[in-house]
Amino acid sequence: PERLQRREAERLRGVERQRQEKEARAVKEERSDFFLAAFSREREAVEALLAAGSLEEAGARLQGLQRLLTESVRFLAPYEVRKGQEEVARLQEDLAARRRELQPKKKFAFRALKKEAAAGKERPRPAEPARPAEPDPEAPQCGFSGLEAAELELGPAELLGRDVELRELRGCRVLLRGSPGALRVSGCRGCTVLCGPVASSVMVDECSGCLLAVACQQLRAHRTRDTRFYLRVTSRAIVEGCAGVSFAPYSWSYPGIEADFQSSGLDGSRNNWNLVDDFDWLATDRPSPNWSVIPEQERVSCWD
């Protein structure tokens, strides 16, 4: 009888465990369905506002969409998190492109030409008439490439709302004091990049032995090794194909940085510098071996 009672108790415990697991799956699926519906509605609203030119409202709704995704990560599948991050990044790029489109065109070049013609100055006629270059929304507007062991710097007037690309630099120190629209760092080796608040995303690809201090809405690092990030980010950072990357809180500062944070629209109350999603490490019970937190005693305290 005792054996029968133990077996019956074990059976009942197994039935109860299965019931609880089934309920947990149902709750998770219900939350996931709710998130997907809410995310889709907000994404469509942001797209409609961008099309109508309501950029301030679109930016605010986009921040709400990012918060919804960040707060839902704990019950979403990895592929759902990745898809949501990609949608947010696409909308951030669309917002930056629309801001560039709606910026007033500068006309000082035409007035200068008219004044010279009125003064009777004769100048050699070019083979083709000079025309203002049409901005390419897909191309970065400023940056540096192919330099070695150089001190490079851009200021607030050069950076405001523009996309910046740093490509194929070797042993350079780059200071970006201002608020760019987006930042892309690719193919750099042994470089230090210190950047003010970025309005949308920072993309790092195929870099090694670098140090980057960035504040942004989203950080995505691909195929990057032995690189330290001093980070302030409103979403969760993403790494993929990376090894030996490490993170600490953003601590770089310069005169005027608070005004740049305001113009960037970053949420100052949120910093997820140590929340990192490694798309190559799906185990939830063990930390990823590809990234780590920089020990406090090893963090940079003086940036001069």
Foldseek 3Di string as FASTA:
>chain_A
DVVVVVVVVVVVVVVVVVVVVVVVVVVLVVLVVVLVVVLVVLLVVLVVCLVVVVLVVSLVSLLVSQVSLQVSVVSDDPVVNVVSVVSSQVSLLSSLLSVVVPDDDDDVVVVVVVVCVVVVDDDDDDPDDDDDDDDDSVDFDEEDEDEELEEEEDEAVVAQSTEYEYYQYELYEYEYHHEHQEYEYENYELYEYEHAEHLAEYEYECYENYEYQYEHQEYEYELYELYEYQYFYQHAYEYENAANYEYHHRDDDDPPRVVRCVSSPDDPVGGPGPRYHYPVDNDPVDDDNRYYYDDPVPDDDDDD
